[in-house]
Amino acid sequence: MRKGIKKALAKTYDDAFTCYVKGKWDEAKIGFEKSIALWPKDNLSEALLKYMESNNNTPPPDWKGYKYFDE
């Protein structure tokens, strides 16, 4: 999956995803936006941003570090 993607993009996405899992969505939002700026076809970051926005960028009270996407 990461073949051909610059290390900066991989690090940016990984850092953002770590924040997302930990419930630090303000930081995750910034990271995913940077990831998209580096690679506009980053559909996963876009999906995570949309999910976070649908929750006002606040993890649900029962946040377990993941969201199952059935789409």
C-alpha atoms as a PDB file:
ATOM      1  CA  MET A   1       0.000   0.000   0.000  1.00  0.00           C
ATOM      2  CA  ARG A   2       2.735   2.449   0.856  1.00  0.00           C
ATOM      3  CA  LYS A   3       4.935   1.673  -2.128  1.00  0.00           C
ATOM      4  CA  GLY A   4       5.799   4.937  -3.828  1.00  0.00           C
ATOM      5  CA  ILE A   5       4.430   7.096  -1.031  1.00  0.00           C
ATOM      6  CA  LYS A   6       6.944   9.379   0.572  1.00  0.00           C
ATOM      7  CA  LYS A   7       8.059   8.745   4.118  1.00  0.00           C
ATOM      8  CA  ALA A   8       6.759  12.175   5.146  1.00  0.00           C
ATOM      9  CA  LEU A   9       3.248  11.184   4.121  1.00  0.00           C
ATOM     10  CA  ALA A  10       3.448   7.856   5.923  1.00  0.00           C
ATOM     11  CA  LYS A  11       4.687   9.534   9.104  1.00  0.00           C
ATOM     12  CA  THR A  12       2.060  12.282   8.904  1.00  0.00           C
ATOM     13  CA  TYR A  13      -0.737   9.747   8.463  1.00  0.00           C
ATOM     14  CA  ASP A  14       0.603   7.395  11.149  1.00  0.00           C
ATOM     15  CA  ASP A  15       0.887  10.234  13.667  1.00  0.00           C
ATOM     16  CA  ALA A  16      -2.634  11.435  12.857  1.00  0.00           C
ATOM     17  CA  PHE A  17      -4.037   7.921  13.152  1.00  0.00           C
ATOM     18  CA  THR A  18      -2.351   7.440  16.526  1.00  0.00           C
ATOM     19  CA  CYS A  19      -4.033  10.636  17.756  1.00  0.00           C
ATOM     20  CA  TYR A  20      -7.354   9.424  16.349  1.00  0.00           C
ATOM     21  CA  VAL A  21      -7.113   6.102  18.193  1.00  0.00           C
ATOM     22  CA  LYS A  22      -6.142   7.844  21.446  1.00  0.00           C
ATOM     23  CA  GLY A  23      -9.139  10.168  21.154  1.00  0.00           C
ATOM     24  CA  LYS A  24      -7.057  13.276  20.456  1.00  0.00           C
ATOM     25  CA  TRP A  25      -9.239  14.278  17.566  1.00  0.00           C
ATOM     26  CA  ASP A  26      -8.168  17.931  17.361  1.00  0.00           C
ATOM     27  CA  GLU A  27      -4.607  16.775  16.683  1.00  0.00           C
ATOM     28  CA  ALA A  28      -5.806  13.963  14.408  1.00  0.00           C
ATOM     29  CA  LYS A  29      -7.826  16.416  12.322  1.00  0.00           C
ATOM     30  CA  ILE A  30      -4.766  18.565  11.686  1.00  0.00           C
ATOM     31  CA  GLY A  31      -2.699  15.510  10.777  1.00  0.00           C
ATOM     32  CA  PHE A  32      -5.277  14.044   8.395  1.00  0.00           C
ATOM     33  CA  GLU A  33      -5.632  17.429   6.689  1.00  0.00           C
ATOM     34  CA  LYS A  34      -1.839  17.544   6.221  1.00  0.00           C
ATOM     35  CA  SER A  35      -1.934  13.998   4.881  1.00  0.00           C
ATOM     36  CA  ILE A  36      -4.545  14.980   2.294  1.00  0.00           C
ATOM     37  CA  ALA A  37      -2.471  18.030   1.335  1.00  0.00           C
ATOM     38  CA  LEU A  38       0.481  15.698   0.672  1.00  0.00           C
ATOM     39  CA  TRP A  39      -1.642  13.117  -1.175  1.00  0.00           C
ATOM     40  CA  PRO A  40      -5.033  14.408  -2.377  1.00  0.00           C
ATOM     41  CA  LYS A  41      -6.216  10.847  -3.170  1.00  0.00           C
ATOM     42  CA  ASP A  42      -6.048   9.904   0.530  1.00  0.00           C
ATOM     43  CA  ASN A  43      -9.583   8.534   0.793  1.00  0.00           C
ATOM     44  CA  LEU A  44      -9.027   6.984   4.207  1.00  0.00           C
ATOM     45  CA  SER A  45      -8.045  10.296   5.794  1.00  0.00           C
ATOM     46  CA  GLU A  46     -11.096  11.875   4.162  1.00  0.00           C
ATOM     47  CA  ALA A  47     -13.379   9.174   5.576  1.00  0.00           C
ATOM     48  CA  LEU A  48     -11.930   9.583   9.057  1.00  0.00           C
ATOM     49  CA  LEU A  49     -12.275  13.365   8.873  1.00  0.00           C
ATOM     50  CA  LYS A  50     -15.926  13.033   7.831  1.00  0.00           C
ATOM     51  CA  TYR A  51     -16.588  10.644  10.698  1.00  0.00           C
ATOM     52  CA  MET A  52     -14.907  12.938  13.207  1.00  0.00           C
ATOM     53  CA  GLU A  53     -16.810  15.946  11.833  1.00  0.00           C
ATOM     54  CA  SER A  54     -20.094  14.045  12.199  1.00  0.00           C
ATOM     55  CA  ASN A  55     -19.265  13.905  15.924  1.00  0.00           C
ATOM     56  CA  ASN A  56     -18.195  17.572  16.166  1.00  0.00           C
ATOM     57  CA  ASN A  57     -14.560  16.396  16.291  1.00  0.00           C
ATOM     58  CA  THR A  58     -15.183  14.887  19.713  1.00  0.00           C
ATOM     59  CA  PRO A  59     -14.849  11.163  20.361  1.00  0.00           C
ATOM     60  CA  PRO A  60     -18.072   9.511  21.553  1.00  0.00           C
ATOM     61  CA  PRO A  61     -18.229   8.881  25.319  1.00  0.00           C
ATOM     62  CA  ASP A  62     -17.853   5.134  24.708  1.00  0.00           C
ATOM     63  CA  TRP A  63     -14.859   5.571  22.352  1.00  0.00           C
ATOM     64  CA  LYS A  64     -12.790   2.386  22.186  1.00  0.00           C
ATOM     65  CA  GLY A  65     -10.219   3.637  19.699  1.00  0.00           C
ATOM     66  CA  TYR A  66     -11.895   2.486  16.506  1.00  0.00           C
ATOM     67  CA  LYS A  67     -14.959   2.863  14.311  1.00  0.00           C
ATOM     68  CA  TYR A  68     -16.170   0.035  12.100  1.00  0.00           C
ATOM     69  CA  PHE A  69     -16.846   1.329   8.576  1.00  0.00           C
ATOM     70  CA  ASP A  70     -19.221  -0.873   6.640  1.00  0.00           C
ATOM     71  CA  GLU A  71     -19.160   1.283   3.505  1.00  0.00           C
END
